[in-house]
Amino acid sequence: MEKFNRLKLSKKKIAIILPNYNSSKFINNTIRSIINQTYKHWELIIVDDASDKKTKKVLKNFEKKKKIKIFYLKKNKGAAYCRNLGVRKSKSDYLAFIDSDDYWKKNKLKSQLFFMIKNKLKFSYTNYYVFYEKNKKMKKIYCPNKFSYNEFIKNTSIGTSTVMVERNLVKNFKFSNTKICEDYHYKCLILKKIVNGFCLKNFLTVYRVHNDSLQNSNVRNIFWMWKINRDYNKLSFFENFISLLFISINSLKKYGGKNILS
């Protein structure tokens, strides 16, 4: 059975969607972590959101790589637009997402794809590390073994850079057109459609927290999550309040209040 699953795995293509904006400090490390994956049947779609010259100079080093496609936007349009464009430009059996300041362990794609095929899953995520740039400390984040939609809106610990999803499941989905937290809504859409998402317990992603991170403002995150819960998830005022209360409590437990969303 395992041999059969590995044969199926070898034929599956993964599209990796990477939105990028002014990430000259980290983007090289992010892309290298993808190139160094032990699983080689992938394509990388980078959508640059009108970055500065310094960042574009780093990206130029990868323009001639066969499996990497880079799209440069003339005007800044936000992460949601970049992710949606990346998905449209990709061709694959599965989608994976990574932010421009995060990076993967070299067996991330292979381990996660095998986990999904073996267990016949459409959506999965993994445990991950949080790396704090300021003090250079690393912390392990343990995710629940499985997540339903109702559980997720009270505990958003699914890191976007850990996610892998079957393409057919999300073919009609789009990231919401919000300034931030668009990935929160996307994961809500997925979990509404399936019964549960499941966790691969390996620590395969390193998520950076730094001064330039979009996720650094707790107040801003709460504001946009409130809007998404109200406008997209259609939660009542009371349901919204309970959702964000639990998210805040869980964030304090896991991250010490450093950030609300993964």
Protein backbone atom coordinates (compact mmCIF):
# COMPACT_ATOMS: atom_id res chain seq x y z
CA MET A 1 0.00 0.00 0.00
CA GLU A 2 2.79 2.44 0.89
CA LYS A 3 4.56 1.67 -2.39
CA PHE A 4 1.31 2.39 -4.26
CA ASN A 5 0.85 5.67 -2.42
CA ARG A 6 4.40 6.76 -3.23
CA LEU A 7 3.77 5.99 -6.90
CA LYS A 8 0.64 8.17 -6.82
CA LEU A 9 2.58 10.88 -4.98
CA SER A 10 5.27 11.03 -7.68
CA LYS A 11 2.68 11.98 -10.31
CA LYS A 12 1.08 14.83 -8.37
CA LYS A 13 2.04 18.42 -9.10
CA ILE A 14 2.01 21.13 -6.42
CA ALA A 15 1.69 24.84 -7.21
CA ILE A 16 3.26 27.05 -4.55
CA ILE A 17 1.77 30.54 -4.34
CA LEU A 18 4.06 33.25 -2.97
CA PRO A 19 2.88 36.89 -2.69
CA ASN A 20 5.78 39.27 -2.21
CA TYR A 21 6.16 42.89 -1.15
CA ASN A 22 9.45 44.54 -0.14
CA SER A 23 10.89 41.35 1.35
CA SER A 24 14.49 41.79 0.26
CA LYS A 25 15.74 40.63 3.68
CA PHE A 26 14.03 37.26 3.55
CA ILE A 27 12.79 36.37 0.05
CA ASN A 28 16.03 34.69 -1.06
CA ASN A 29 15.91 32.31 1.91
CA THR A 30 12.23 31.59 1.24
CA ILE A 31 12.78 30.70 -2.42
CA ARG A 32 15.88 28.62 -1.64
CA SER A 33 13.88 26.58 0.84
CA ILE A 34 11.47 25.71 -1.99
CA ILE A 35 14.20 24.90 -4.51
CA ASN A 36 15.81 22.58 -1.95
CA GLN A 37 12.65 20.52 -1.40
CA THR A 38 13.17 16.75 -1.67
CA TYR A 39 9.92 16.57 -3.66
CA LYS A 40 10.63 18.05 -7.09
CA HIS A 41 7.28 18.00 -8.94
CA TRP A 42 6.26 21.58 -8.18
CA GLU A 43 5.94 25.02 -9.71
CA LEU A 44 6.48 28.28 -7.87
CA ILE A 45 4.30 31.29 -8.72
CA ILE A 46 5.66 34.54 -7.29
CA VAL A 47 3.49 37.64 -7.55
CA ASP A 48 5.46 40.76 -6.71
CA ASP A 49 3.21 43.53 -5.44
CA ALA A 50 5.13 46.56 -6.80
CA SER A 51 8.13 46.06 -4.52
CA ASP A 52 11.15 48.34 -4.24
CA LYS A 53 14.22 47.99 -6.48
CA LYS A 54 16.16 46.13 -3.80
CA THR A 55 13.60 43.34 -3.66
CA LYS A 56 13.27 43.11 -7.46
CA LYS A 57 17.03 42.76 -7.70
CA VAL A 58 16.83 39.63 -5.53
CA LEU A 59 13.98 38.21 -7.63
CA LYS A 60 15.94 38.71 -10.86
CA ASN A 61 18.30 35.94 -9.73
CA PHE A 62 15.44 33.46 -10.12
CA GLU A 63 13.78 34.67 -13.33
CA LYS A 64 15.43 32.03 -15.52
CA LYS A 65 14.62 29.07 -13.29
CA LYS A 66 12.38 26.67 -15.22
CA LYS A 67 9.89 25.94 -12.44
CA ILE A 68 9.59 29.52 -11.22
CA LYS A 69 7.23 32.11 -12.71
CA ILE A 70 7.39 35.70 -11.51
CA PHE A 71 4.67 38.26 -12.18
CA TYR A 72 5.46 41.92 -11.46
CA LEU A 73 2.56 44.24 -10.65
CA LYS A 74 2.94 47.93 -11.54
CA LYS A 75 0.71 49.06 -8.69
CA ASN A 76 0.39 47.71 -5.16
CA LYS A 77 -2.83 45.69 -4.92
CA GLY A 78 -2.46 43.73 -1.70
CA ALA A 79 -1.84 40.12 -0.69
CA ALA A 80 -5.35 38.89 -1.58
CA TYR A 81 -5.03 40.04 -5.20
CA CYS A 82 -1.56 38.49 -5.43
CA ARG A 83 -2.70 35.13 -4.05
CA ASN A 84 -5.73 35.03 -6.36
CA LEU A 85 -3.60 35.89 -9.39
CA GLY A 86 -1.06 33.24 -8.40
CA VAL A 87 -3.75 30.57 -8.17
CA ARG A 88 -5.16 31.57 -11.59
CA LYS A 89 -1.72 31.38 -13.22
CA SER A 90 -0.90 27.97 -11.75
CA LYS A 91 -1.56 24.45 -13.05
CA SER A 92 -1.44 21.69 -10.49
CA ASP A 93 -3.21 18.97 -8.52
CA TYR A 94 -2.53 20.65 -5.18
CA LEU A 95 -1.94 24.19 -3.90
CA ALA A 96 0.49 25.22 -1.17
CA PHE A 97 1.02 28.71 0.18
CA ILE A 98 4.02 30.45 1.67
CA ASP A 99 4.66 34.03 2.77
CA SER A 100 7.75 35.84 1.58
CA ASP A 101 9.42 35.92 5.01
CA ASP A 102 8.79 32.28 5.98
CA TYR A 103 10.67 29.16 4.93
CA TRP A 104 10.20 25.39 4.78
CA LYS A 105 12.16 22.39 5.97
CA LYS A 106 13.42 20.44 2.96
CA ASN A 107 10.96 17.52 3.35
CA LYS A 108 7.86 19.70 3.78
CA LEU A 109 6.16 19.06 0.44
CA LYS A 110 6.98 15.35 0.24
CA SER A 111 5.89 14.58 3.82
CA GLN A 112 2.67 16.55 3.58
CA LEU A 113 1.62 15.26 0.17
CA PHE A 114 2.24 11.66 1.23
CA PHE A 115 0.22 12.31 4.42
CA MET A 116 -2.70 13.60 2.33
CA ILE A 117 -2.66 10.80 -0.24
CA LYS A 118 -2.24 8.08 2.38
CA ASN A 119 -5.20 9.39 4.41
CA LYS A 120 -7.29 10.57 1.43
CA LEU A 121 -7.38 14.16 2.64
CA LYS A 122 -8.34 17.29 0.73
CA PHE A 123 -6.92 19.83 3.19
CA SER A 124 -4.06 19.63 5.66
CA TYR A 125 -1.72 21.79 7.74
CA THR A 126 1.30 21.11 9.95
CA ASN A 127 2.84 22.09 13.23
CA TYR A 128 5.38 24.87 12.84
CA TYR A 129 8.05 27.00 14.45
CA VAL A 130 7.76 30.71 15.20
CA PHE A 131 11.09 32.50 14.92
CA TYR A 132 11.34 35.89 16.64
CA GLU A 133 13.82 38.02 14.74
CA LYS A 134 14.33 40.45 17.61
CA ASN A 135 15.71 37.97 20.15
CA LYS A 136 16.48 35.09 17.72
CA LYS A 137 14.36 32.67 19.73
CA MET A 138 12.41 29.78 18.23
CA LYS A 139 9.14 28.46 19.59
CA LYS A 140 7.17 25.35 18.63
CA ILE A 141 3.48 25.82 17.79
CA TYR A 142 1.37 22.71 18.24
CA CYS A 143 -1.84 22.65 16.20
CA PRO A 144 -4.93 20.54 16.98
CA ASN A 145 -5.05 17.14 15.26
CA LYS A 146 -8.11 18.30 13.37
CA PHE A 147 -10.09 21.50 12.90
CA SER A 148 -13.73 22.13 12.07
CA TYR A 149 -14.98 25.54 10.98
CA ASN A 150 -16.58 26.22 14.38
CA GLU A 151 -13.31 25.38 16.13
CA PHE A 152 -11.20 27.43 13.74
CA ILE A 153 -13.07 30.70 14.30
CA LYS A 154 -12.09 30.42 17.97
CA ASN A 155 -8.48 29.34 17.43
CA THR A 156 -6.75 30.46 14.23
CA SER A 157 -3.52 28.53 14.75
CA ILE A 158 -3.44 27.06 11.23
CA GLY A 159 -0.40 28.77 9.71
CA THR A 160 -0.99 29.78 6.09
CA SER A 161 2.54 28.75 5.12
CA THR A 162 1.78 25.23 6.40
CA VAL A 163 -1.37 24.70 4.31
CA MET A 164 -1.78 22.26 1.43
CA VAL A 165 -5.13 21.82 -0.31
CA GLU A 166 -6.49 19.79 -3.19
CA ARG A 167 -7.01 22.19 -6.07
CA ASN A 168 -10.47 20.91 -7.04
CA LEU A 169 -11.74 21.72 -3.55
CA VAL A 170 -11.01 25.44 -3.90
CA LYS A 171 -11.47 25.99 -7.65
CA ASN A 172 -14.35 28.43 -7.01
CA PHE A 173 -12.84 30.12 -3.94
CA LYS A 174 -11.08 33.48 -3.79
CA PHE A 175 -9.17 35.29 -1.08
CA SER A 176 -11.32 38.14 0.22
CA ASN A 177 -10.36 41.64 -0.88
CA THR A 178 -9.24 42.88 2.53
CA LYS A 179 -5.99 44.61 3.45
CA ILE A 180 -4.95 41.79 5.80
CA CYS A 181 -6.41 38.55 7.20
CA GLU A 182 -7.50 37.44 3.72
CA ASP A 183 -6.02 34.02 4.50
CA TYR A 184 -8.27 33.71 7.56
CA HIS A 185 -11.35 33.99 5.34
CA TYR A 186 -9.92 31.53 2.79
CA LYS A 187 -9.40 28.88 5.47
CA CYS A 188 -12.93 29.53 6.75
CA LEU A 189 -14.29 28.83 3.24
CA ILE A 190 -12.38 25.54 3.08
CA LEU A 191 -13.48 24.38 6.51
CA LYS A 192 -17.10 25.25 5.76
CA LYS A 193 -16.97 22.94 2.75
CA ILE A 194 -15.32 19.93 4.40
CA VAL A 195 -15.98 18.37 7.79
CA ASN A 196 -12.45 18.74 9.15
CA GLY A 197 -8.93 19.73 8.23
CA PHE A 198 -6.17 17.47 9.57
CA CYS A 199 -2.72 18.15 10.99
CA LEU A 200 0.57 16.50 10.08
CA LYS A 201 2.39 16.68 13.41
CA ASN A 202 5.86 17.29 11.94
CA PHE A 203 7.37 20.78 12.33
CA LEU A 204 7.99 21.68 8.69
CA THR A 205 7.59 25.46 8.45
CA VAL A 206 9.39 28.37 10.11
CA TYR A 207 7.19 31.43 10.51
CA ARG A 208 9.01 34.71 11.17
CA VAL A 209 7.81 37.47 13.47
CA HIS A 210 9.62 40.74 12.81
CA ASN A 211 9.06 44.49 12.81
CA ASP A 212 7.99 44.59 9.16
CA SER A 213 5.52 41.72 9.44
CA LEU A 214 1.95 42.49 8.35
CA GLN A 215 0.74 40.41 11.28
CA ASN A 216 2.51 42.56 13.86
CA SER A 217 -0.47 44.75 14.82
CA ASN A 218 -2.97 42.98 17.07
CA VAL A 219 -5.49 45.84 16.97
CA ARG A 220 -5.43 45.94 13.16
CA ASN A 221 -5.87 42.15 12.96
CA ILE A 222 -8.84 42.23 15.33
CA PHE A 223 -10.48 45.00 13.26
CA TRP A 224 -10.18 43.08 9.96
CA MET A 225 -11.18 39.75 11.47
CA TRP A 226 -14.27 41.42 12.92
CA LYS A 227 -15.18 42.69 9.44
CA ILE A 228 -14.58 39.27 7.85
CA ASN A 229 -16.65 37.51 10.49
CA ARG A 230 -19.46 40.04 10.02
CA ASP A 231 -19.41 40.49 6.23
CA TYR A 232 -18.25 37.09 4.96
CA ASN A 233 -18.83 34.56 7.74
CA LYS A 234 -22.16 36.23 8.64
CA LEU A 235 -21.64 35.95 12.38
CA SER A 236 -23.94 37.82 14.73
CA PHE A 237 -22.50 40.49 17.03
CA PHE A 238 -22.41 38.04 19.94
CA GLU A 239 -20.87 35.21 17.84
CA ASN A 240 -18.26 37.64 16.53
CA PHE A 241 -17.40 38.81 20.04
CA ILE A 242 -17.01 35.23 21.29
CA SER A 243 -14.90 34.28 18.26
CA LEU A 244 -12.43 37.13 18.73
CA LEU A 245 -12.33 36.69 22.51
CA PHE A 246 -11.24 33.06 22.14
CA ILE A 247 -8.78 33.93 19.36
CA SER A 248 -7.19 36.59 21.57
CA ILE A 249 -6.91 34.22 24.54
CA ASN A 250 -5.37 31.47 22.41
CA SER A 251 -2.95 33.96 20.86
CA LEU A 252 -1.75 35.06 24.28
CA LYS A 253 -1.21 31.43 25.30
CA LYS A 254 0.73 30.51 22.16
CA TYR A 255 2.55 33.67 21.11
CA GLY A 256 2.62 35.81 24.22
CA GLY A 257 0.51 38.40 22.42
CA LYS A 258 3.07 38.87 19.64
CA ASN A 259 0.51 38.24 16.91
CA ILE A 260 -3.07 37.16 16.44
CA LEU A 261 -3.08 35.43 13.08
CA SER A 262 -0.69 32.92 11.55
